[in-house]
């Protein structure tokens, strides 16, 4: 069981590094920054990202008059770039890794529950205005690619000999 947790830990680290590098390299503004522009709180999404952290926080708080508290809480906590969705890449890693783990053991109900949960994560990121559909799909693709880089250890190999 230790090997399984090591594999999962490696995937988490790789997904965090991948997400961080891609966000920095692509520098795609979050969807809500376009809403801030439409509310005349910033001149452009690029203008928002040129602000320091305190100024970004102030701008987002000003949107509170027009934006639901649910969305605003997410906006306040995440003022970095959009692509890819870190929440979705984590959820996709969980589905691929743990979903496969449970399917191999015949526990389809738990695997199905993971898929439903992960779908909810992706949809919520869109609904909150945190990501574009391409961010969510890019996260799923990134998770799949990373998953294939991690070799599976056959935990039953010793028992077969």
N, C-alpha and C. Protein backbone atom coordinates (compact mmCIF):
# COMPACT_ATOMS: atom_id res chain seq x y z
N UNK A 1 0.83 -1.20 0.00
CA UNK A 1 0.00 0.00 0.00
C UNK A 1 0.87 1.27 0.00
N UNK A 2 2.07 1.16 0.54
CA UNK A 2 2.98 2.32 0.56
C UNK A 2 3.33 2.76 -0.86
N UNK A 3 3.54 1.79 -1.75
CA UNK A 3 3.88 2.12 -3.13
C UNK A 3 2.76 2.91 -3.79
N UNK A 4 1.54 2.58 -3.49
CA UNK A 4 0.38 3.28 -4.07
C UNK A 4 0.39 4.74 -3.63
N UNK A 5 0.63 4.98 -2.36
CA UNK A 5 0.66 6.37 -1.86
C UNK A 5 1.85 7.13 -2.43
N UNK A 6 2.96 6.45 -2.66
CA UNK A 6 4.13 7.09 -3.29
C UNK A 6 3.78 7.50 -4.72
N UNK A 7 3.14 6.59 -5.45
CA UNK A 7 2.72 6.91 -6.81
C UNK A 7 1.78 8.12 -6.82
N UNK A 8 0.80 8.11 -5.94
CA UNK A 8 -0.16 9.21 -5.87
C UNK A 8 0.55 10.52 -5.51
N UNK A 9 1.47 10.45 -4.55
CA UNK A 9 2.24 11.64 -4.16
C UNK A 9 3.05 12.20 -5.32
N UNK A 10 3.67 11.32 -6.09
CA UNK A 10 4.44 11.76 -7.27
C UNK A 10 3.52 12.46 -8.26
N UNK A 11 2.35 11.88 -8.49
CA UNK A 11 1.38 12.50 -9.41
C UNK A 11 0.95 13.88 -8.91
N UNK A 12 0.72 14.01 -7.63
CA UNK A 12 0.32 15.31 -7.08
C UNK A 12 1.41 16.35 -7.27
N UNK A 13 2.64 15.97 -6.99
CA UNK A 13 3.76 16.91 -7.17
C UNK A 13 3.89 17.30 -8.64
N UNK A 14 3.86 16.32 -9.52
CA UNK A 14 3.96 16.60 -10.96
C UNK A 14 2.81 17.49 -11.43
N UNK A 15 1.60 17.25 -10.93
CA UNK A 15 0.46 18.07 -11.36
C UNK A 15 0.60 19.50 -10.85
N UNK A 16 1.11 19.67 -9.63
CA UNK A 16 1.30 21.01 -9.09
C UNK A 16 2.35 21.77 -9.91
N UNK A 17 3.44 21.10 -10.22
CA UNK A 17 4.50 21.73 -11.02
C UNK A 17 3.97 22.07 -12.42
N UNK A 18 3.28 21.13 -13.03
CA UNK A 18 2.72 21.35 -14.37
C UNK A 18 1.77 22.54 -14.37
N UNK A 19 0.85 22.57 -13.41
CA UNK A 19 -0.12 23.66 -13.31
C UNK A 19 0.59 24.99 -13.13
N UNK A 20 1.56 25.05 -12.26
CA UNK A 20 2.26 26.30 -11.97
C UNK A 20 3.02 26.81 -13.18
N UNK A 21 3.73 25.92 -13.85
CA UNK A 21 4.50 26.31 -15.05
C UNK A 21 3.56 26.76 -16.16
N UNK A 22 2.49 26.00 -16.41
CA UNK A 22 1.56 26.37 -17.48
C UNK A 22 0.86 27.70 -17.21
N UNK A 23 0.47 27.94 -15.97
CA UNK A 23 -0.16 29.23 -15.64
C UNK A 23 0.80 30.38 -15.95
N UNK A 24 2.05 30.21 -15.55
CA UNK A 24 3.05 31.26 -15.76
C UNK A 24 3.33 31.45 -17.25
N UNK A 25 3.48 30.36 -17.98
CA UNK A 25 3.85 30.44 -19.39
C UNK A 25 2.71 30.93 -20.29
N UNK A 26 1.48 30.51 -20.00
CA UNK A 26 0.37 30.90 -20.86
C UNK A 26 -0.20 32.27 -20.50
N UNK A 27 -0.19 32.61 -19.22
CA UNK A 27 -0.67 33.92 -18.73
C UNK A 27 -2.04 34.29 -19.30
N UNK A 28 -2.97 33.35 -19.28
CA UNK A 28 -4.33 33.59 -19.77
C UNK A 28 -5.16 34.16 -18.62
N UNK A 29 -5.77 35.33 -18.82
CA UNK A 29 -6.59 35.93 -17.75
C UNK A 29 -7.79 35.05 -17.40
N UNK A 30 -8.18 35.10 -16.15
CA UNK A 30 -9.37 34.38 -15.71
C UNK A 30 -10.62 35.05 -16.29
N UNK A 31 -11.68 34.27 -16.50
CA UNK A 31 -12.90 34.85 -17.05
C UNK A 31 -13.45 36.02 -16.23
N UNK A 32 -13.32 35.94 -14.91
CA UNK A 32 -13.89 37.02 -14.10
C UNK A 32 -13.20 38.35 -14.32
N UNK A 33 -11.97 38.35 -14.84
CA UNK A 33 -11.31 39.63 -15.09
C UNK A 33 -12.00 40.40 -16.21
N UNK A 34 -12.64 39.67 -17.13
CA UNK A 34 -13.43 40.32 -18.18
C UNK A 34 -14.70 40.94 -17.58
N UNK A 35 -15.23 40.29 -16.56
CA UNK A 35 -16.39 40.85 -15.85
C UNK A 35 -15.98 42.12 -15.10
N UNK A 36 -14.80 42.10 -14.49
CA UNK A 36 -14.29 43.30 -13.82
C UNK A 36 -14.14 44.45 -14.81
N UNK A 37 -13.73 44.11 -16.03
CA UNK A 37 -13.62 45.12 -17.08
C UNK A 37 -15.01 45.64 -17.46
N UNK A 38 -15.97 44.74 -17.61
CA UNK A 38 -17.34 45.15 -17.97
C UNK A 38 -17.96 46.02 -16.90
N UNK A 39 -17.56 45.82 -15.64
CA UNK A 39 -18.05 46.65 -14.53
C UNK A 39 -17.28 47.96 -14.39
N UNK A 40 -16.32 48.17 -15.29
CA UNK A 40 -15.47 49.38 -15.30
C UNK A 40 -14.63 49.51 -14.03
N UNK A 41 -14.23 48.35 -13.48
CA UNK A 41 -13.35 48.35 -12.31
C UNK A 41 -11.88 48.29 -12.73
N UNK A 42 -11.63 47.76 -13.92
CA UNK A 42 -10.30 47.77 -14.53
C UNK A 42 -10.46 48.10 -16.01
N UNK A 43 -9.39 48.61 -16.61
CA UNK A 43 -9.44 48.93 -18.03
C UNK A 43 -9.40 47.68 -18.90
N UNK A 44 -8.69 46.65 -18.42
CA UNK A 44 -8.57 45.41 -19.18
C UNK A 44 -8.10 44.30 -18.22
N UNK A 45 -8.28 43.05 -18.62
CA UNK A 45 -7.72 41.96 -17.80
C UNK A 45 -6.21 42.12 -17.59
N UNK A 46 -5.49 42.56 -18.64
CA UNK A 46 -4.04 42.76 -18.50
C UNK A 46 -3.74 43.80 -17.43
N UNK A 47 -4.59 44.84 -17.36
CA UNK A 47 -4.42 45.87 -16.34
C UNK A 47 -4.58 45.28 -14.94
N UNK A 48 -5.55 44.37 -14.79
CA UNK A 48 -5.76 43.70 -13.50
C UNK A 48 -4.51 42.96 -13.06
N UNK A 49 -3.90 42.23 -13.99
CA UNK A 49 -2.73 41.43 -13.65
C UNK A 49 -1.47 42.26 -13.43
N UNK A 50 -1.50 43.51 -13.85
CA UNK A 50 -0.35 44.38 -13.61
C UNK A 50 -0.38 44.98 -12.20
N UNK A 51 -1.49 44.82 -11.49
CA UNK A 51 -1.64 45.37 -10.14
C UNK A 51 -0.94 44.47 -9.11
N UNK A 52 -0.58 45.07 -7.97
CA UNK A 52 -0.04 44.25 -6.89
C UNK A 52 -1.19 43.52 -6.18
N UNK A 53 -0.86 42.62 -5.30
CA UNK A 53 -1.86 41.77 -4.64
C UNK A 53 -2.91 42.58 -3.90
N UNK A 54 -2.49 43.60 -3.17
CA UNK A 54 -3.44 44.41 -2.40
C UNK A 54 -4.42 45.14 -3.32
N UNK A 55 -3.93 45.66 -4.43
CA UNK A 55 -4.80 46.37 -5.37
C UNK A 55 -5.78 45.40 -6.04
N UNK A 56 -5.32 44.20 -6.37
CA UNK A 56 -6.21 43.19 -6.94
C UNK A 56 -7.33 42.87 -5.96
N UNK A 57 -6.96 42.69 -4.70
CA UNK A 57 -7.93 42.38 -3.66
C UNK A 57 -8.98 43.49 -3.54
N UNK A 58 -8.53 44.73 -3.60
CA UNK A 58 -9.43 45.88 -3.51
C UNK A 58 -10.41 45.89 -4.68
N UNK A 59 -9.91 45.66 -5.88
CA UNK A 59 -10.75 45.65 -7.09
C UNK A 59 -11.81 44.55 -6.98
N UNK A 60 -11.39 43.37 -6.56
CA UNK A 60 -12.33 42.25 -6.44
C UNK A 60 -13.40 42.57 -5.39
N UNK A 61 -13.02 43.15 -4.28
CA UNK A 61 -14.00 43.51 -3.24
C UNK A 61 -15.01 44.53 -3.77
N UNK A 62 -14.56 45.44 -4.62
CA UNK A 62 -15.46 46.42 -5.21
C UNK A 62 -16.53 45.76 -6.08
N UNK A 63 -16.21 44.61 -6.64
CA UNK A 63 -17.18 43.89 -7.47
C UNK A 63 -18.29 43.27 -6.63
N UNK A 64 -18.11 43.23 -5.31
CA UNK A 64 -19.08 42.62 -4.41
C UNK A 64 -20.48 43.21 -4.49
N UNK A 65 -20.58 44.43 -4.94
CA UNK A 65 -21.88 45.07 -5.11
C UNK A 65 -22.69 44.39 -6.21
N UNK A 66 -22.00 43.80 -7.18
CA UNK A 66 -22.65 43.25 -8.37
C UNK A 66 -22.58 41.72 -8.48
N UNK A 67 -21.70 41.10 -7.72
CA UNK A 67 -21.40 39.67 -7.88
C UNK A 67 -21.87 38.90 -6.65
N UNK A 68 -22.36 37.67 -6.86
CA UNK A 68 -22.83 36.85 -5.75
C UNK A 68 -21.68 36.56 -4.78
N UNK A 69 -22.00 36.45 -3.50
CA UNK A 69 -20.95 36.15 -2.50
C UNK A 69 -20.20 34.85 -2.79
N UNK A 70 -20.88 33.86 -3.38
CA UNK A 70 -20.22 32.58 -3.69
C UNK A 70 -19.09 32.78 -4.69
N UNK A 71 -19.40 33.53 -5.72
CA UNK A 71 -18.37 33.78 -6.73
C UNK A 71 -17.29 34.69 -6.17
N UNK A 72 -17.69 35.70 -5.46
CA UNK A 72 -16.73 36.67 -4.94
C UNK A 72 -15.68 36.01 -4.05
N UNK A 73 -16.10 35.05 -3.21
CA UNK A 73 -15.14 34.35 -2.34
C UNK A 73 -14.07 33.64 -3.16
N UNK A 74 -14.47 33.05 -4.27
CA UNK A 74 -13.49 32.38 -5.13
C UNK A 74 -12.58 33.39 -5.80
N UNK A 75 -13.16 34.48 -6.26
CA UNK A 75 -12.37 35.50 -6.94
C UNK A 75 -11.32 36.09 -6.01
N UNK A 76 -11.71 36.32 -4.76
CA UNK A 76 -10.78 36.92 -3.78
C UNK A 76 -9.58 36.01 -3.52
N UNK A 77 -9.82 34.71 -3.53
CA UNK A 77 -8.76 33.77 -3.18
C UNK A 77 -7.82 33.42 -4.31
N UNK A 78 -8.22 33.70 -5.55
CA UNK A 78 -7.41 33.26 -6.68
C UNK A 78 -7.31 34.37 -7.72
N UNK A 79 -6.22 35.08 -7.65
CA UNK A 79 -6.01 36.19 -8.58
C UNK A 79 -4.86 35.91 -9.55
N UNK A 80 -4.49 34.64 -9.65
CA UNK A 80 -3.46 34.26 -10.63
C UNK A 80 -4.14 33.95 -11.97
N UNK A 81 -3.40 33.38 -12.89
CA UNK A 81 -3.93 33.13 -14.23
C UNK A 81 -4.84 31.91 -14.30
N UNK A 82 -5.45 31.74 -15.46
CA UNK A 82 -6.54 30.79 -15.63
C UNK A 82 -6.13 29.39 -16.05
N UNK A 83 -5.22 29.27 -17.01
CA UNK A 83 -4.92 27.95 -17.61
C UNK A 83 -3.71 27.30 -16.99
N UNK A 84 -3.85 26.07 -16.55
CA UNK A 84 -5.01 25.20 -16.44
C UNK A 84 -5.66 25.33 -15.07
N UNK A 85 -6.77 24.66 -14.88
CA UNK A 85 -7.46 24.67 -13.59
C UNK A 85 -6.77 23.71 -12.63
N UNK A 86 -6.22 24.26 -11.57
CA UNK A 86 -5.56 23.43 -10.56
C UNK A 86 -6.53 22.50 -9.85
N UNK A 87 -7.75 22.99 -9.55
CA UNK A 87 -8.75 22.15 -8.91
C UNK A 87 -9.11 20.97 -9.82
N UNK A 88 -9.28 21.25 -11.10
CA UNK A 88 -9.68 20.20 -12.04
C UNK A 88 -8.56 19.20 -12.28
N UNK A 89 -7.32 19.65 -12.35
CA UNK A 89 -6.23 18.71 -12.56
C UNK A 89 -6.11 17.77 -11.35
N UNK A 90 -6.34 18.30 -10.15
CA UNK A 90 -6.33 17.46 -8.95
C UNK A 90 -7.47 16.44 -9.01
N UNK A 91 -8.68 16.90 -9.35
CA UNK A 91 -9.83 16.00 -9.43
C UNK A 91 -9.61 14.93 -10.49
N UNK A 92 -9.04 15.31 -11.64
CA UNK A 92 -8.79 14.35 -12.71
C UNK A 92 -7.74 13.32 -12.30
N UNK A 93 -6.71 13.77 -11.59
CA UNK A 93 -5.69 12.83 -11.07
C UNK A 93 -6.36 11.83 -10.13
N UNK A 94 -7.24 12.32 -9.27
CA UNK A 94 -7.94 11.43 -8.33
C UNK A 94 -8.79 10.40 -9.06
N UNK A 95 -9.50 10.86 -10.11
CA UNK A 95 -10.34 9.93 -10.87
C UNK A 95 -9.47 8.88 -11.57
N UNK A 96 -8.43 9.33 -12.24
CA UNK A 96 -7.57 8.38 -12.97
C UNK A 96 -6.90 7.40 -12.01
N UNK A 97 -6.32 7.93 -10.96
CA UNK A 97 -5.54 7.09 -10.05
C UNK A 97 -6.44 6.25 -9.15
N UNK A 98 -7.27 6.92 -8.35
CA UNK A 98 -8.09 6.20 -7.38
C UNK A 98 -9.27 5.50 -8.05
N UNK A 99 -9.80 6.11 -9.12
CA UNK A 99 -10.87 5.45 -9.86
C UNK A 99 -10.39 4.12 -10.43
N UNK A 100 -9.19 4.14 -11.04
CA UNK A 100 -8.60 2.90 -11.54
C UNK A 100 -8.33 1.89 -10.44
N UNK A 101 -7.86 2.39 -9.32
CA UNK A 101 -7.60 1.54 -8.14
C UNK A 101 -8.88 0.81 -7.72
N UNK A 102 -9.98 1.57 -7.61
CA UNK A 102 -11.23 0.96 -7.16
C UNK A 102 -11.85 0.06 -8.24
N UNK A 103 -11.72 0.43 -9.50
CA UNK A 103 -12.25 -0.41 -10.58
C UNK A 103 -11.53 -1.76 -10.62
N UNK A 104 -10.20 -1.74 -10.44
CA UNK A 104 -9.44 -3.00 -10.43
C UNK A 104 -9.88 -3.91 -9.28
N UNK A 105 -10.47 -3.34 -8.27
CA UNK A 105 -10.95 -4.13 -7.12
C UNK A 105 -12.45 -4.39 -7.19
N UNK A 106 -13.06 -3.99 -8.30
CA UNK A 106 -14.49 -4.24 -8.49
C UNK A 106 -15.40 -3.30 -7.72
N UNK A 107 -14.86 -2.23 -7.19
CA UNK A 107 -15.68 -1.27 -6.44
C UNK A 107 -16.11 -0.13 -7.36
N UNK A 108 -17.07 -0.44 -8.22
CA UNK A 108 -17.51 0.49 -9.25
C UNK A 108 -18.31 1.67 -8.68
N UNK A 109 -18.97 1.45 -7.57
CA UNK A 109 -19.77 2.52 -6.95
C UNK A 109 -18.87 3.67 -6.48
N UNK A 110 -17.78 3.34 -5.82
CA UNK A 110 -16.84 4.37 -5.35
C UNK A 110 -16.19 5.07 -6.56
N UNK A 111 -15.80 4.30 -7.57
CA UNK A 111 -15.20 4.89 -8.77
C UNK A 111 -16.20 5.82 -9.45
N UNK A 112 -17.45 5.42 -9.53
CA UNK A 112 -18.49 6.27 -10.11
C UNK A 112 -18.69 7.54 -9.29
N UNK A 113 -18.63 7.40 -7.97
CA UNK A 113 -18.74 8.57 -7.09
C UNK A 113 -17.61 9.56 -7.34
N UNK A 114 -16.42 9.04 -7.57
CA UNK A 114 -15.28 9.91 -7.89
C UNK A 114 -15.51 10.68 -9.19
N UNK A 115 -16.06 10.01 -10.18
CA UNK A 115 -16.33 10.66 -11.47
C UNK A 115 -17.37 11.77 -11.28
N UNK A 116 -18.41 11.49 -10.51
CA UNK A 116 -19.45 12.50 -10.26
C UNK A 116 -18.86 13.69 -9.51
N UNK A 117 -18.05 13.42 -8.49
CA UNK A 117 -17.41 14.50 -7.73
C UNK A 117 -16.52 15.35 -8.63
N UNK A 118 -15.69 14.70 -9.44
CA UNK A 118 -14.76 15.42 -10.31
C UNK A 118 -15.51 16.24 -11.36
N UNK A 119 -16.60 15.71 -11.88
CA UNK A 119 -17.42 16.46 -12.83
C UNK A 119 -17.97 17.72 -12.16
N UNK A 120 -18.41 17.57 -10.93
CA UNK A 120 -18.89 18.73 -10.16
C UNK A 120 -17.80 19.77 -9.96
N UNK A 121 -16.58 19.33 -9.72
CA UNK A 121 -15.46 20.25 -9.55
C UNK A 121 -15.27 21.06 -10.83
N UNK A 122 -15.21 20.38 -11.97
CA UNK A 122 -15.02 21.07 -13.25
C UNK A 122 -16.13 22.06 -13.55
N UNK A 123 -17.37 21.63 -13.34
CA UNK A 123 -18.52 22.50 -13.60
C UNK A 123 -18.51 23.71 -12.67
N UNK A 124 -18.17 23.48 -11.42
CA UNK A 124 -18.15 24.60 -10.46
C UNK A 124 -17.11 25.65 -10.83
N UNK A 125 -15.98 25.21 -11.39
CA UNK A 125 -14.93 26.16 -11.80
C UNK A 125 -15.44 27.07 -12.91
N UNK A 126 -16.26 26.49 -13.80
CA UNK A 126 -16.86 27.29 -14.87
C UNK A 126 -17.92 28.23 -14.31
N UNK A 127 -18.80 27.72 -13.48
CA UNK A 127 -19.90 28.50 -12.91
C UNK A 127 -19.39 29.68 -12.08
N UNK A 128 -18.32 29.46 -11.36
CA UNK A 128 -17.77 30.52 -10.51
C UNK A 128 -17.05 31.61 -11.31
N UNK A 129 -16.83 31.37 -12.59
CA UNK A 129 -16.13 32.35 -13.42
C UNK A 129 -14.62 32.29 -13.24
N UNK A 130 -14.15 31.16 -12.77
CA UNK A 130 -12.72 31.02 -12.51
C UNK A 130 -11.97 30.49 -13.73
N UNK A 131 -12.68 29.77 -14.60
CA UNK A 131 -12.01 29.12 -15.74
C UNK A 131 -12.90 29.09 -16.97
N UNK A 132 -12.23 28.98 -18.11
CA UNK A 132 -12.89 28.73 -19.38
C UNK A 132 -13.00 27.23 -19.57
N UNK A 133 -13.90 26.75 -20.45
CA UNK A 133 -13.95 25.31 -20.71
C UNK A 133 -12.61 24.74 -21.17
N UNK A 134 -11.84 25.52 -21.94
CA UNK A 134 -10.53 25.03 -22.39
C UNK A 134 -9.57 24.81 -21.21
N UNK A 135 -9.72 25.58 -20.14
CA UNK A 135 -8.88 25.39 -18.95
C UNK A 135 -9.19 24.05 -18.29
N UNK A 136 -10.47 23.73 -18.20
CA UNK A 136 -10.91 22.48 -17.58
C UNK A 136 -10.47 21.29 -18.44
N UNK A 137 -10.69 21.39 -19.76
CA UNK A 137 -10.30 20.30 -20.65
C UNK A 137 -8.77 20.14 -20.68
N UNK A 138 -8.05 21.25 -20.66
CA UNK A 138 -6.59 21.19 -20.62
C UNK A 138 -6.09 20.52 -19.35
N UNK A 139 -6.79 20.74 -18.26
CA UNK A 139 -6.42 20.10 -16.99
C UNK A 139 -6.62 18.60 -17.05
N UNK A 140 -7.74 18.19 -17.64
CA UNK A 140 -8.02 16.75 -17.77
C UNK A 140 -6.97 16.09 -18.65
N UNK A 141 -6.64 16.73 -19.77
CA UNK A 141 -5.61 16.20 -20.67
C UNK A 141 -4.25 16.14 -19.98
N UNK A 142 -3.90 17.20 -19.24
CA UNK A 142 -2.63 17.22 -18.51
C UNK A 142 -2.57 16.09 -17.49
N UNK A 143 -3.67 15.87 -16.77
CA UNK A 143 -3.71 14.80 -15.77
C UNK A 143 -3.51 13.44 -16.44
N UNK A 144 -4.15 13.24 -17.60
CA UNK A 144 -4.02 11.97 -18.31
C UNK A 144 -2.58 11.74 -18.76
N UNK A 145 -1.96 12.77 -19.28
CA UNK A 145 -0.57 12.65 -19.73
C UNK A 145 0.34 12.33 -18.55
N UNK A 146 0.17 13.05 -17.45
CA UNK A 146 0.99 12.79 -16.26
C UNK A 146 0.78 11.38 -15.73
N UNK A 147 -0.46 10.94 -15.74
CA UNK A 147 -0.79 9.59 -15.24
C UNK A 147 -0.01 8.52 -16.00
N UNK A 148 0.14 8.70 -17.30
CA UNK A 148 0.84 7.69 -18.10
C UNK A 148 2.35 7.70 -17.89
N UNK A 149 2.87 8.73 -17.26
CA UNK A 149 4.29 8.79 -16.95
C UNK A 149 4.65 8.05 -15.66
N UNK A 150 3.67 7.73 -14.86
CA UNK A 150 3.92 7.06 -13.59
C UNK A 150 3.71 5.55 -13.77
N UNK A 151 4.77 4.77 -13.59
CA UNK A 151 4.62 3.32 -13.78
C UNK A 151 3.76 2.72 -12.67
N UNK A 152 3.01 1.70 -13.04
CA UNK A 152 2.22 1.00 -12.03
C UNK A 152 3.05 -0.13 -11.46
N UNK A 153 3.05 -0.20 -10.15
CA UNK A 153 3.69 -1.32 -9.48
C UNK A 153 2.64 -2.39 -9.28
N UNK A 154 2.95 -3.58 -9.64
CA UNK A 154 2.01 -4.68 -9.44
C UNK A 154 2.14 -5.13 -7.99
N UNK A 155 1.15 -4.73 -7.20
CA UNK A 155 1.23 -5.06 -5.77
C UNK A 155 1.05 -6.54 -5.49
N UNK A 156 0.61 -7.29 -6.49
CA UNK A 156 0.41 -8.73 -6.30
C UNK A 156 1.54 -9.55 -6.92
N UNK A 157 2.59 -8.91 -7.40
CA UNK A 157 3.68 -9.59 -8.10
C UNK A 157 4.32 -10.65 -7.21
N UNK A 158 4.54 -10.36 -5.95
CA UNK A 158 5.17 -11.32 -5.05
C UNK A 158 4.26 -12.52 -4.81
N UNK A 159 2.97 -12.26 -4.78
CA UNK A 159 2.03 -13.35 -4.53
C UNK A 159 1.94 -14.32 -5.72
N UNK A 160 2.19 -13.78 -6.95
CA UNK A 160 2.08 -14.59 -8.16
C UNK A 160 3.26 -15.56 -8.30
N UNK A 161 4.41 -15.22 -7.72
CA UNK A 161 5.61 -16.06 -7.87
C UNK A 161 5.56 -17.30 -7.04
